[in-house]
Amino acid sequence: MEFTQSDFDRLLLFEHTRKTAEAKYAANPLDADNLTKWGGALIELSAFQDPRDSKKMIDDAISKLDEALLIDPARHATLWCLGNAHTSYAFLTPDFDAAKVNFDKARECFQRALDADPENELYKKSLEVTDKAPILHMEIHKNGLGQMTGGGASSTPSKRKESAKQKSSDLKYDIFGWVILAIGIVAWVGMAKSQVPPPPPR
């Protein structure tokens, strides 16, 4: 997967967000907003990792978001972000039954976020998309992404086959990148919307 200047800028932005959140956490570990930003940054940064490291980073994000929910269980922006983390983790899991567990957790998070903020269109859309995610997961892994995420690729002696496998691997990384990018964009738009102050009373 080749990085564009835009990718590099995003990487720097989210790495800065992660480091800032880590420093703020040392000063105040009970800041749910900071933990949510930290988790969101980790989800974004996971898109720039190889699949195994990406799963570890998403695990860390889930841990931060769970910690934020211990502090503020009704925080809908955190619930929504946690739903995205579970969705991302599910797409990185080749085994459908294991992935389905994460899709179910994601759905529960999105539903709780929507229950807390029933007018939020982004939460409604996330819930709709989550219902379609298992089908997309099966399509992606049926087309070979499973090998990239640890499904086991066999080595071949032929250089021609290795070259074809490399091209196939690049395509898989591109597909994976777009899936994570789409999830990340939706996550950050939702977090931004949740930070907008309410309109003044009339």
Protein backbone atom coordinates (compact mmCIF):
# COMPACT_ATOMS: atom_id res chain seq x y z
CA MET A 1 0.00 0.00 0.00
CA GLU A 2 1.62 3.26 -1.10
CA PHE A 3 1.14 6.43 0.93
CA THR A 4 0.06 9.68 -0.69
CA GLN A 5 0.84 13.07 0.82
CA SER A 6 -2.73 13.13 2.13
CA ASP A 7 -2.21 9.74 3.82
CA PHE A 8 1.01 10.99 5.37
CA ASP A 9 -0.74 14.15 6.64
CA ARG A 10 -3.50 12.04 8.18
CA LEU A 11 -0.93 9.76 9.79
CA LEU A 12 0.84 12.75 11.36
CA LEU A 13 -2.46 14.26 12.55
CA PHE A 14 -3.69 11.09 14.23
CA GLU A 15 -0.28 10.29 15.70
CA HIS A 16 -0.23 13.79 17.20
CA THR A 17 -3.78 13.26 18.54
CA ARG A 18 -2.71 9.93 20.07
CA LYS A 19 0.37 11.39 21.76
CA THR A 20 -1.59 14.40 23.07
CA ALA A 21 -4.30 12.14 24.46
CA GLU A 22 -1.69 9.91 26.09
CA ALA A 23 -0.10 12.93 27.80
CA LYS A 24 -3.51 14.25 28.95
CA TYR A 25 -4.39 10.81 30.29
CA ALA A 26 -1.31 10.86 32.52
CA ALA A 27 -2.56 14.14 34.02
CA ASN A 28 -6.25 13.15 34.20
CA PRO A 29 -7.19 9.48 33.65
CA LEU A 30 -10.90 10.22 34.24
CA ASP A 31 -11.44 12.38 31.14
CA ALA A 32 -13.90 10.38 29.01
CA ASP A 33 -13.63 12.84 26.11
CA ASN A 34 -9.85 12.42 26.00
CA LEU A 35 -10.13 8.63 26.12
CA THR A 36 -12.62 8.77 23.24
CA LYS A 37 -10.23 10.89 21.16
CA TRP A 38 -7.39 8.48 21.98
CA GLY A 39 -9.48 5.48 20.92
CA GLY A 40 -10.57 7.24 17.73
CA ALA A 41 -6.96 8.12 16.85
CA LEU A 42 -5.90 4.49 17.36
CA ILE A 43 -8.68 3.32 15.03
CA GLU A 44 -7.46 5.77 12.38
CA LEU A 45 -3.81 4.80 12.86
CA SER A 46 -4.71 1.11 12.51
CA ALA A 47 -5.37 1.75 8.82
CA PHE A 48 -1.65 2.37 8.32
CA GLN A 49 -0.53 -0.91 9.91
CA ASP A 50 -0.21 -4.43 8.60
CA PRO A 51 -3.29 -6.50 9.53
CA ARG A 52 -1.86 -8.16 12.66
CA ASP A 53 -0.60 -4.86 14.09
CA SER A 54 -3.85 -3.24 13.04
CA LYS A 55 -5.83 -5.73 15.13
CA LYS A 56 -3.60 -5.04 18.15
CA MET A 57 -4.10 -1.31 17.72
CA ILE A 58 -7.88 -1.73 17.44
CA ASP A 59 -7.80 -3.89 20.59
CA ASP A 60 -6.07 -1.00 22.33
CA ALA A 61 -8.69 1.42 20.98
CA ILE A 62 -11.49 -0.81 22.29
CA SER A 63 -9.78 -0.83 25.69
CA LYS A 64 -9.61 3.00 25.77
CA LEU A 65 -13.24 3.35 24.66
CA ASP A 66 -14.42 0.80 27.23
CA GLU A 67 -12.53 2.79 29.87
CA ALA A 68 -14.29 5.98 28.72
CA LEU A 69 -17.66 4.23 29.04
CA LEU A 70 -16.83 3.17 32.60
CA ILE A 71 -16.50 6.89 33.38
CA ASP A 72 -19.54 8.00 31.33
CA PRO A 73 -21.73 5.01 30.30
CA ALA A 74 -24.25 7.15 28.37
CA ARG A 75 -21.69 8.98 26.21
CA HIS A 76 -23.14 8.36 22.76
CA ALA A 77 -20.08 9.60 20.81
CA THR A 78 -17.96 7.01 22.63
CA LEU A 79 -20.54 4.26 22.01
CA TRP A 80 -20.57 5.15 18.33
CA CYS A 81 -16.77 5.14 18.13
CA LEU A 82 -16.67 1.77 19.93
CA GLY A 83 -19.12 0.43 17.34
CA ASN A 84 -16.70 1.48 14.60
CA ALA A 85 -13.81 -0.21 16.42
CA HIS A 86 -15.73 -3.49 16.62
CA THR A 87 -16.69 -3.19 12.95
CA SER A 88 -13.06 -2.63 11.94
CA TYR A 89 -11.93 -5.58 14.05
CA ALA A 90 -14.59 -7.80 12.49
CA PHE A 91 -13.40 -7.00 8.96
CA LEU A 92 -9.88 -8.02 9.98
CA THR A 93 -11.12 -11.37 11.30
CA PRO A 94 -11.23 -14.05 8.57
CA ASP A 95 -13.42 -16.49 10.53
CA PHE A 96 -17.03 -15.43 9.94
CA ASP A 97 -18.36 -16.70 13.28
CA ALA A 98 -15.70 -14.77 15.19
CA ALA A 99 -16.31 -11.68 13.06
CA LYS A 100 -20.06 -11.97 13.65
CA VAL A 101 -19.46 -11.59 17.41
CA ASN A 102 -17.80 -8.22 16.72
CA PHE A 103 -20.52 -7.17 14.27
CA ASP A 104 -23.10 -7.94 16.97
CA LYS A 105 -21.16 -5.86 19.50
CA ALA A 106 -20.94 -3.03 16.97
CA ARG A 107 -24.68 -3.17 16.39
CA GLU A 108 -25.35 -3.03 20.13
CA CYS A 109 -23.07 0.04 20.46
CA PHE A 110 -24.73 1.82 17.55
CA GLN A 111 -28.18 1.03 18.96
CA ARG A 112 -27.23 2.39 22.39
CA ALA A 113 -25.78 5.54 20.78
CA LEU A 114 -28.99 6.02 18.80
CA ASP A 115 -31.10 5.44 21.93
CA ALA A 116 -29.10 8.20 23.65
CA ASP A 117 -29.42 10.58 20.66
CA PRO A 118 -32.46 9.46 18.60
CA GLU A 119 -32.26 12.32 16.08
CA ASN A 120 -28.67 11.63 15.05
CA GLU A 121 -28.73 10.64 11.37
CA LEU A 122 -25.18 9.30 11.50
CA TYR A 123 -26.11 6.83 14.22
CA LYS A 124 -29.15 5.70 12.23
CA LYS A 125 -27.03 5.20 9.13
CA SER A 126 -24.37 3.31 11.10
CA LEU A 127 -27.02 0.94 12.38
CA GLU A 128 -28.29 0.31 8.83
CA VAL A 129 -24.77 -0.27 7.48
CA THR A 130 -23.92 -2.66 10.33
CA ASP A 131 -26.78 -4.92 9.29
CA LYS A 132 -25.15 -5.22 5.84
CA ALA A 133 -21.58 -5.58 7.13
CA PRO A 134 -21.59 -9.40 7.53
CA ILE A 135 -22.49 -9.81 3.84
CA LEU A 136 -19.67 -7.44 2.84
CA HIS A 137 -17.31 -9.38 5.14
CA MET A 138 -18.14 -12.66 3.38
CA GLU A 139 -17.58 -11.06 -0.04
CA ILE A 140 -14.23 -9.55 0.93
CA HIS A 141 -12.89 -12.75 2.49
CA LYS A 142 -14.28 -14.90 -0.30
CA ASN A 143 -12.19 -12.81 -2.70
CA GLY A 144 -8.97 -13.53 -0.83
CA LEU A 145 -8.61 -10.84 1.82
CA GLY A 146 -8.61 -13.64 4.39
CA GLN A 147 -5.08 -14.62 3.35
CA MET A 148 -3.90 -11.11 4.11
CA THR A 149 -5.46 -11.08 7.58
CA GLY A 150 -3.86 -14.30 8.69
CA GLY A 151 -5.88 -16.91 6.84
CA GLY A 152 -2.62 -18.48 5.72
CA ALA A 153 -0.95 -17.92 2.38
CA SER A 154 1.13 -20.78 1.00
CA SER A 155 4.57 -20.08 -0.47
CA THR A 156 5.27 -21.00 -4.08
CA PRO A 157 8.62 -21.50 -5.80
CA SER A 158 7.60 -19.85 -9.05
CA LYS A 159 8.60 -16.17 -9.40
CA ARG A 160 5.64 -15.59 -11.71
CA LYS A 161 3.26 -16.84 -9.03
CA GLU A 162 5.02 -14.68 -6.42
CA SER A 163 4.60 -11.63 -8.65
CA ALA A 164 0.91 -12.39 -9.15
CA LYS A 165 0.54 -12.96 -5.42
CA GLN A 166 2.24 -9.60 -4.73
CA LYS A 167 -0.20 -7.80 -7.05
CA SER A 168 -3.09 -9.62 -5.39
CA SER A 169 -1.73 -8.66 -1.96
CA ASP A 170 -1.46 -5.00 -3.01
CA LEU A 171 -5.09 -5.10 -4.14
CA LYS A 172 -6.12 -6.62 -0.82
CA TYR A 173 -4.29 -3.88 1.07
CA ASP A 174 -6.03 -1.26 -1.09
CA ILE A 175 -9.45 -2.78 -0.36
CA PHE A 176 -8.63 -3.03 3.33
CA GLY A 177 -7.43 0.59 3.33
CA TRP A 178 -10.64 1.85 1.74
CA VAL A 179 -12.79 -0.08 4.24
CA ILE A 180 -10.86 1.37 7.19
CA LEU A 181 -10.80 4.85 5.61
CA ALA A 182 -14.58 4.82 5.14
CA ILE A 183 -15.13 3.72 8.73
CA GLY A 184 -12.66 6.31 9.97
CA ILE A 185 -14.22 9.19 8.05
CA VAL A 186 -17.65 8.30 9.38
CA ALA A 187 -16.18 8.04 12.91
CA TRP A 188 -14.55 11.45 12.83
CA VAL A 189 -17.58 13.16 11.28
CA GLY A 190 -19.68 11.71 14.09
CA MET A 191 -17.23 12.86 16.75
CA ALA A 192 -17.14 16.33 15.21
CA LYS A 193 -20.94 16.52 15.14
CA SER A 194 -21.12 15.44 18.78
CA GLN A 195 -18.83 18.34 19.75
CA VAL A 196 -21.07 21.02 18.15
CA PRO A 197 -22.80 23.06 20.87
CA PRO A 198 -26.60 22.85 20.93
CA PRO A 199 -28.49 25.70 19.25
CA PRO A 200 -29.61 28.53 21.55
CA PRO A 201 -33.15 28.15 22.95
CA ARG A 202 -35.84 30.08 21.14
